Amino acid sequence: CGLLFLFATAVPMVAGYQNGAHGASGASNGVSGVSIDLRSDTVTQPTAAMRKAMAEATVGDDVFGDDPTVKELEEKVASMLGKEAGLFVASGTMGNLIALGCHCSGRGEEVICGKDSHIFFYEQGGASSLIGIVLNTVQNQPDGTLDLDEVAKVIKPNDPHFAVAKVLALENTSNKLGGLVLPLEYMEKAGDFCERHGLKMHVDGARLWNAAVALKVPIAHLVRRADSVNVCLSKGLGAPVGSILVGSKEFILKARRLRKAVGGGLRQVGVLAAAGLYALENHFERLQEDHDNAARLASGLQSLGLHVLPAHTNIVFFDIEEAPVIVAKLASRGVRLLCTDGKKRCRAVANLHTQAS
């Protein structure tokens, strides 16, 4: 009980957190009695200014290609990432599914990804169950990378007995490993590797924005060698819905067809695209605040004697005994976290609605 009391007061006091939902951001977290919500960076709601942009958006039927606002967003993100074209999709999971489906020409072809990757661990194996793609996993290294020598070992010979490897999928930043950023040098080596082995490279960049801020480089530098990239608008950027999948014009034309097949053809989607445009213009650079707050929280938790993983970006993992009980009691006191393993591993994510006091 003493530790619980100390922890409940230390999260906001040591880390300097307060909920920003009713401050300058103009949003409400919608949870009665909750003052600090660190479960994810997806829990934020649109700010007042973002809602205004959504309400005033010029829209059209995007299935017919008539929505100018979503076109503007797709072109903007594609340009930022150094790719030819972009496509608005409902979620990061949908974007990854479509990308892998476009790179693989038939059932029984293979995607190599990390054992701790979002594609393998958190997407229900959709690439397999819906499209017939085989997911072949390699253990992630402590820095989030995949050992390319180990990747080479799992590429099977060109033989009728085996699935044919078509794609290397990398995640940047790594969600399950605490927001780890893949180094630029590694991405270049991975690009060379894919060329040598005839593989396409897909980057699950749900939090690629955080990686660019952490490395202080233009975001296009992180994916220069990638054939396709999926980036989320609804995490650190604070938009309510959506991701953008980018690649070549030919790839996106194919992706648009597959998006329709999986139910992703939306109509007046400019209302959502306007939120994404506002987020890019107003919330991208401020991601450094989330990183700083996460580092402060990690330091504060360490001062309580807890085992804390280094906070590389905006995600903090730490261990505490009887975590499910602690998490439930903290929620009753207005502090929301996640217990990720049902035992002792907890996650806290700095986001748009948590501010240093």
Protein backbone atom coordinates (compact mmCIF):
# COMPACT_ATOMS: atom_id res chain seq x y z
CA CYS A 1 0.00 0.00 0.00
CA GLY A 2 2.85 2.35 0.79
CA LEU A 3 4.43 1.73 -2.60
CA LEU A 4 1.07 2.21 -4.32
CA PHE A 5 0.57 5.57 -2.61
CA LEU A 6 4.11 6.66 -3.43
CA PHE A 7 3.75 5.55 -7.05
CA ALA A 8 0.34 7.18 -7.53
CA THR A 9 1.66 10.50 -6.33
CA ALA A 10 5.08 10.17 -7.95
CA VAL A 11 3.83 9.74 -11.54
CA PRO A 12 2.39 13.25 -11.76
CA MET A 13 4.77 14.85 -9.24
CA VAL A 14 8.12 13.38 -10.27
CA ALA A 15 7.41 13.34 -13.98
CA GLY A 16 5.74 16.74 -13.87
CA TYR A 17 2.64 15.49 -15.66
CA GLN A 18 -0.75 17.06 -15.74
CA ASN A 19 -3.57 16.31 -18.12
CA GLY A 20 -3.67 18.90 -20.86
CA ALA A 21 -7.06 17.90 -22.16
CA HIS A 22 -8.89 20.95 -20.85
CA GLY A 23 -6.03 23.37 -21.30
CA ALA A 24 -4.81 25.09 -24.43
CA SER A 25 -5.46 21.99 -26.52
CA GLY A 26 -9.18 22.40 -26.01
CA ALA A 27 -9.94 18.67 -25.99
CA SER A 28 -11.51 16.42 -23.39
CA ASN A 29 -10.30 12.92 -22.66
CA GLY A 30 -13.90 11.88 -22.12
CA VAL A 31 -13.18 9.73 -19.06
CA SER A 32 -14.81 10.94 -15.88
CA GLY A 33 -12.36 11.38 -13.03
CA VAL A 34 -9.28 10.55 -15.10
CA SER A 35 -6.60 13.20 -14.90
CA ILE A 36 -3.64 11.38 -16.47
CA ASP A 37 -4.04 8.85 -19.28
CA LEU A 38 -0.76 7.24 -20.32
CA ARG A 39 -2.12 4.00 -21.79
CA SER A 40 -1.15 5.07 -25.31
CA ASP A 41 -0.62 8.03 -27.59
CA THR A 42 -3.85 6.94 -29.31
CA VAL A 43 -6.08 8.08 -26.43
CA THR A 44 -5.99 11.76 -27.38
CA GLN A 45 -8.98 13.57 -28.83
CA PRO A 46 -9.00 16.32 -31.46
CA THR A 47 -8.12 19.77 -30.17
CA ALA A 48 -10.52 22.65 -30.68
CA ALA A 49 -8.46 23.98 -33.58
CA MET A 50 -8.33 20.52 -35.18
CA ARG A 51 -12.11 20.16 -34.84
CA LYS A 52 -12.52 23.54 -36.56
CA ALA A 53 -10.31 22.40 -39.44
CA MET A 54 -12.37 19.22 -39.76
CA ALA A 55 -15.67 21.12 -39.74
CA GLU A 56 -14.48 23.50 -42.45
CA ALA A 57 -12.86 20.89 -44.71
CA THR A 58 -13.70 20.85 -48.40
CA VAL A 59 -14.84 17.31 -49.18
CA GLY A 60 -15.91 15.06 -52.03
CA ASP A 61 -16.41 11.37 -52.73
CA ASP A 62 -12.93 9.86 -52.47
CA VAL A 63 -13.94 6.56 -54.09
CA PHE A 64 -14.62 8.64 -57.21
CA GLY A 65 -11.42 10.60 -56.60
CA ASP A 66 -13.32 13.80 -55.82
CA ASP A 67 -12.05 14.73 -52.34
CA PRO A 68 -9.48 17.53 -52.61
CA THR A 69 -8.52 17.51 -48.93
CA VAL A 70 -7.50 13.85 -48.83
CA LYS A 71 -5.59 14.34 -52.07
CA GLU A 72 -3.70 17.20 -50.46
CA LEU A 73 -2.87 15.05 -47.43
CA GLU A 74 -1.75 12.08 -49.53
CA GLU A 75 0.48 14.28 -51.68
CA LYS A 76 1.93 16.08 -48.66
CA VAL A 77 2.88 12.91 -46.80
CA ALA A 78 4.28 11.26 -49.93
CA SER A 79 6.44 14.33 -50.54
CA MET A 80 7.62 14.42 -46.92
CA LEU A 81 8.67 10.76 -47.16
CA GLY A 82 10.29 11.14 -50.56
CA LYS A 83 7.86 8.86 -52.39
CA GLU A 84 5.77 9.34 -55.52
CA ALA A 85 2.26 8.83 -54.15
CA GLY A 86 0.21 8.21 -51.03
CA LEU A 87 -3.05 6.58 -49.98
CA PHE A 88 -5.25 7.32 -46.96
CA VAL A 89 -6.20 4.16 -45.05
CA ALA A 90 -8.34 3.71 -41.97
CA SER A 91 -5.59 2.32 -39.74
CA GLY A 92 -1.97 1.25 -39.56
CA THR A 93 -3.04 -2.39 -39.56
CA MET A 94 -4.95 -1.84 -42.81
CA GLY A 95 -1.96 -0.04 -44.32
CA ASN A 96 0.42 -2.88 -43.46
CA LEU A 97 -2.03 -5.49 -44.76
CA ILE A 98 -2.45 -3.68 -48.08
CA ALA A 99 1.28 -3.09 -48.49
CA LEU A 100 2.18 -6.75 -47.96
CA GLY A 101 -0.68 -7.84 -50.21
CA CYS A 102 0.60 -5.61 -53.00
CA HIS A 103 4.22 -6.74 -52.72
CA CYS A 104 3.29 -10.43 -52.72
CA SER A 105 1.82 -11.61 -56.00
CA GLY A 106 0.17 -14.79 -54.77
CA ARG A 107 -0.70 -17.09 -51.89
CA GLY A 108 2.21 -18.87 -50.26
CA GLU A 109 4.71 -16.07 -50.69
CA GLU A 110 6.64 -14.93 -47.64
CA VAL A 111 7.27 -11.81 -45.58
CA ILE A 112 10.22 -11.79 -43.17
CA CYS A 113 9.63 -9.65 -40.07
CA GLY A 114 10.65 -9.36 -36.44
CA LYS A 115 9.25 -11.73 -33.85
CA ASP A 116 8.34 -8.65 -31.77
CA SER A 117 6.98 -6.67 -34.71
CA HIS A 118 3.50 -5.20 -34.73
CA ILE A 119 2.78 -6.97 -38.02
CA PHE A 120 3.43 -10.36 -36.45
CA PHE A 121 2.31 -9.82 -32.86
CA TYR A 122 -0.60 -7.38 -32.93
CA GLU A 123 -2.37 -7.74 -36.29
CA GLN A 124 -4.08 -11.14 -35.88
CA GLY A 125 -1.95 -12.65 -38.61
CA GLY A 126 -4.17 -10.87 -41.11
CA ALA A 127 -1.62 -11.11 -43.89
CA SER A 128 -1.87 -14.89 -43.56
CA SER A 129 -5.56 -15.37 -42.84
CA LEU A 130 -6.86 -12.82 -45.36
CA ILE A 131 -4.27 -12.82 -48.15
CA GLY A 132 -2.42 -16.14 -47.76
CA ILE A 133 0.99 -14.66 -47.00
CA VAL A 134 3.45 -16.62 -44.85
CA LEU A 135 5.02 -14.63 -42.01
CA ASN A 136 8.54 -15.83 -41.25
CA THR A 137 9.98 -14.28 -38.10
CA VAL A 138 13.48 -13.46 -36.91
CA GLN A 139 14.23 -12.48 -33.32
CA ASN A 140 14.63 -8.74 -32.87
CA GLN A 141 17.99 -7.61 -31.53
CA PRO A 142 18.10 -5.54 -28.30
CA ASP A 143 18.31 -2.36 -30.41
CA GLY A 144 15.18 -3.29 -32.38
CA THR A 145 16.99 -4.25 -35.57
CA LEU A 146 16.98 -7.62 -37.30
CA ASP A 147 20.36 -9.31 -37.72
CA LEU A 148 20.65 -9.36 -41.50
CA ASP A 149 22.85 -12.46 -41.38
CA GLU A 150 20.03 -14.24 -39.55
CA VAL A 151 17.53 -12.92 -42.10
CA ALA A 152 19.68 -14.37 -44.87
CA LYS A 153 19.57 -17.78 -43.18
CA VAL A 154 15.77 -17.95 -43.27
CA ILE A 155 15.53 -17.10 -46.98
CA LYS A 156 14.73 -20.45 -48.54
CA PRO A 157 16.07 -21.80 -51.83
CA ASN A 158 14.02 -21.41 -54.99
CA ASP A 159 12.39 -24.81 -54.72
CA PRO A 160 8.74 -25.91 -55.12
CA HIS A 161 8.74 -27.14 -51.52
CA PHE A 162 9.23 -23.66 -50.04
CA ALA A 163 7.46 -20.35 -49.73
CA VAL A 164 9.31 -17.65 -51.67
CA ALA A 165 10.52 -14.65 -49.66
CA LYS A 166 9.31 -11.38 -51.19
CA VAL A 167 9.43 -8.72 -48.46
CA LEU A 168 11.53 -7.64 -45.51
CA ALA A 169 9.28 -5.71 -43.09
CA LEU A 170 10.91 -3.41 -40.53
CA GLU A 171 9.25 -1.41 -37.75
CA ASN A 172 10.44 2.07 -36.78
CA THR A 173 9.98 2.90 -33.97
CA SER A 174 9.45 -0.49 -32.31
CA ASN A 175 6.29 -0.47 -30.22
CA LYS A 176 6.78 -3.73 -28.30
CA LEU A 177 10.45 -2.92 -27.57
CA GLY A 178 9.81 0.50 -26.05
CA GLY A 179 9.96 2.96 -28.92
CA LEU A 180 13.43 1.97 -30.16
CA VAL A 181 14.66 3.94 -33.19
CA LEU A 182 16.37 2.10 -36.05
CA PRO A 183 19.67 3.81 -36.96
CA LEU A 184 20.07 5.44 -40.38
CA GLU A 185 23.12 3.28 -41.07
CA TYR A 186 21.10 0.14 -40.44
CA MET A 187 18.36 1.25 -42.84
CA GLU A 188 20.98 1.73 -45.55
CA LYS A 189 22.44 -1.73 -44.89
CA ALA A 190 18.93 -3.21 -44.98
CA GLY A 191 18.37 -1.52 -48.34
CA ASP A 192 21.55 -3.05 -49.74
CA PHE A 193 20.51 -6.44 -48.33
CA CYS A 194 17.09 -6.27 -49.99
CA GLU A 195 18.64 -5.41 -53.34
CA ARG A 196 21.05 -8.33 -53.13
CA HIS A 197 18.30 -10.80 -52.25
CA GLY A 198 15.56 -9.46 -54.51
CA LEU A 199 13.32 -8.38 -51.64
CA LYS A 200 11.02 -5.40 -51.29
CA MET A 201 11.39 -3.38 -48.10
CA HIS A 202 8.26 -2.29 -46.23
CA VAL A 203 8.55 0.00 -43.22
CA ASP A 204 5.83 -0.06 -40.59
CA GLY A 205 6.36 3.54 -39.52
CA ALA A 206 3.39 3.98 -37.21
CA ARG A 207 5.68 6.15 -35.05
CA LEU A 208 8.19 7.08 -37.74
CA TRP A 209 7.49 10.73 -36.89
CA ASN A 210 8.98 10.07 -33.43
CA ALA A 211 12.03 8.45 -34.98
CA ALA A 212 12.69 11.49 -37.18
CA VAL A 213 12.37 13.84 -34.20
CA ALA A 214 14.65 11.66 -32.06
CA LEU A 215 17.35 11.52 -34.75
CA LYS A 216 16.83 15.17 -35.77
CA VAL A 217 16.81 14.32 -39.48
CA PRO A 218 14.26 14.82 -42.27
CA ILE A 219 11.83 11.95 -42.13
CA ALA A 220 12.53 11.00 -45.76
CA HIS A 221 16.10 10.06 -44.79
CA LEU A 222 14.76 7.22 -42.65
CA VAL A 223 12.96 5.49 -45.53
CA ARG A 224 15.11 6.40 -48.53
CA ARG A 225 15.61 2.73 -49.37
CA ALA A 226 12.07 1.56 -48.57
CA ASP A 227 9.66 0.49 -51.31
CA SER A 228 6.64 1.25 -49.14
CA VAL A 229 6.01 3.01 -45.85
CA ASN A 230 2.98 3.18 -43.59
CA VAL A 231 2.74 6.12 -41.16
CA CYS A 232 0.02 6.78 -38.57
CA LEU A 233 -1.71 10.10 -37.98
CA SER A 234 -3.59 8.97 -34.89
CA LYS A 235 -0.71 8.33 -32.49
CA GLY A 236 1.70 11.08 -31.45
CA LEU A 237 0.30 13.51 -34.02
CA GLY A 238 -3.08 13.41 -32.28
CA ALA A 239 -5.46 12.99 -35.23
CA PRO A 240 -8.54 10.86 -34.49
CA VAL A 241 -8.28 8.38 -37.39
CA GLY A 242 -6.05 7.33 -40.21
CA SER A 243 -2.72 6.34 -41.68
CA ILE A 244 -1.01 7.07 -44.98
CA LEU A 245 0.60 4.38 -47.11
CA VAL A 246 3.22 5.67 -49.57
CA GLY A 247 5.25 4.23 -52.40
CA SER A 248 5.58 4.44 -56.18
CA LYS A 249 2.62 5.53 -58.32
CA GLU A 250 2.28 1.99 -59.63
CA PHE A 251 2.31 0.56 -56.09
CA ILE A 252 -0.32 3.01 -54.83
CA LEU A 253 -2.58 2.32 -57.82
CA LYS A 254 -2.50 -1.35 -56.86
CA ALA A 255 -2.94 -0.47 -53.17
CA ARG A 256 -6.05 1.59 -53.95
CA ARG A 257 -7.68 -1.47 -55.54
CA LEU A 258 -6.83 -3.70 -52.57
CA ARG A 259 -8.05 -1.03 -50.14
CA LYS A 260 -11.48 -1.22 -51.80
CA ALA A 261 -11.48 -5.02 -51.50
CA VAL A 262 -10.87 -4.91 -47.73
CA GLY A 263 -13.59 -2.31 -47.16
CA GLY A 264 -11.35 0.75 -46.97
CA GLY A 265 -12.95 2.83 -49.72
CA LEU A 266 -14.28 5.88 -47.87
CA ARG A 267 -16.48 8.68 -49.17
CA GLN A 268 -16.21 12.23 -47.75
CA VAL A 269 -12.94 11.37 -46.05
CA GLY A 270 -11.67 14.95 -46.25
CA VAL A 271 -13.17 15.53 -42.81
CA LEU A 272 -10.58 13.10 -41.44
CA ALA A 273 -7.84 14.20 -43.79
CA ALA A 274 -8.19 17.77 -42.54
CA ALA A 275 -7.33 16.53 -39.05
CA GLY A 276 -4.21 14.87 -40.46
CA LEU A 277 -3.13 18.04 -42.25
CA TYR A 278 -3.62 20.09 -39.09
CA ALA A 279 -1.66 17.52 -37.05
CA LEU A 280 1.29 17.59 -39.45
CA GLU A 281 1.42 21.36 -39.41
CA ASN A 282 1.00 21.81 -35.67
CA HIS A 283 1.90 18.61 -33.78
CA PHE A 284 4.92 17.12 -35.56
CA GLU A 285 7.71 19.20 -34.07
CA ARG A 286 6.15 19.12 -30.59
CA LEU A 287 6.79 15.35 -30.39
CA GLN A 288 10.07 16.27 -28.71
CA GLU A 289 7.99 17.34 -25.69
CA ASP A 290 6.61 13.80 -25.47
CA HIS A 291 10.13 12.38 -25.60
CA ASP A 292 11.29 14.74 -22.87
CA ASN A 293 8.29 13.90 -20.69
CA ALA A 294 8.85 10.16 -21.19
CA ALA A 295 12.49 10.56 -20.14
CA ARG A 296 11.42 12.46 -17.02
CA LEU A 297 8.88 9.77 -16.16
CA ALA A 298 11.47 7.01 -16.64
CA SER A 299 13.89 8.85 -14.36
CA GLY A 300 11.19 9.33 -11.73
CA LEU A 301 10.22 5.66 -11.79
CA GLN A 302 13.86 4.65 -11.47
CA SER A 303 14.13 6.84 -8.38
CA LEU A 304 11.41 4.65 -6.83
CA GLY A 305 13.66 1.61 -7.28
CA LEU A 306 11.75 0.13 -10.22
CA HIS A 307 13.35 -1.62 -13.19
CA VAL A 308 12.79 0.76 -16.10
CA LEU A 309 13.72 0.29 -19.75
CA PRO A 310 15.42 3.31 -21.35
CA ALA A 311 12.90 5.74 -22.87
CA HIS A 312 14.22 6.26 -26.40
CA THR A 313 11.16 8.19 -27.61
CA ASN A 314 7.71 8.50 -26.01
CA ILE A 315 7.20 4.96 -24.61
CA VAL A 316 8.21 3.88 -21.10
CA PHE A 317 8.24 0.22 -20.01
CA PHE A 318 8.83 -0.70 -16.37
CA ASP A 319 8.34 -3.67 -14.06
CA ILE A 320 6.44 -3.73 -10.78
CA GLU A 321 5.20 -6.67 -8.74
CA GLU A 322 1.43 -7.37 -8.84
CA ALA A 323 1.15 -5.04 -11.81
CA PRO A 324 -2.51 -5.81 -12.67
CA VAL A 325 -3.58 -4.90 -9.12
CA ILE A 326 -1.43 -1.77 -9.11
CA VAL A 327 -2.73 -0.67 -12.51
CA ALA A 328 -6.34 -1.13 -11.42
CA LYS A 329 -5.82 0.85 -8.22
CA LEU A 330 -3.98 3.60 -10.06
CA ALA A 331 -6.91 3.89 -12.47
CA SER A 332 -9.22 4.46 -9.51
CA ARG A 333 -6.94 7.34 -8.55
CA GLY A 334 -7.01 8.94 -11.97
CA VAL A 335 -3.78 7.51 -13.45
CA ARG A 336 -4.23 5.10 -16.37
CA LEU A 337 -1.46 2.77 -17.55
CA LEU A 338 -1.30 -0.64 -19.22
CA CYS A 339 -0.05 -3.93 -17.85
CA THR A 340 1.20 -5.61 -21.00
CA ASP A 341 1.97 -9.14 -19.80
CA GLY A 342 -0.62 -9.71 -17.08
CA LYS A 343 2.16 -10.03 -14.52
CA LYS A 344 4.61 -7.18 -13.93
CA ARG A 345 5.47 -5.34 -17.17
CA CYS A 346 3.74 -1.96 -17.50
CA ARG A 347 3.65 0.64 -20.26
CA ALA A 348 3.19 4.40 -20.10
CA VAL A 349 3.14 6.55 -23.22
CA ALA A 350 3.60 10.33 -23.23
CA ASN A 351 1.12 12.00 -25.54
CA LEU A 352 -0.49 15.22 -26.69
CA HIS A 353 -2.69 15.49 -23.59
CA THR A 354 0.07 15.12 -21.03
CA GLN A 355 2.16 18.19 -20.37
CA ALA A 356 5.03 19.11 -18.10
CA SER A 357 3.55 21.30 -15.37
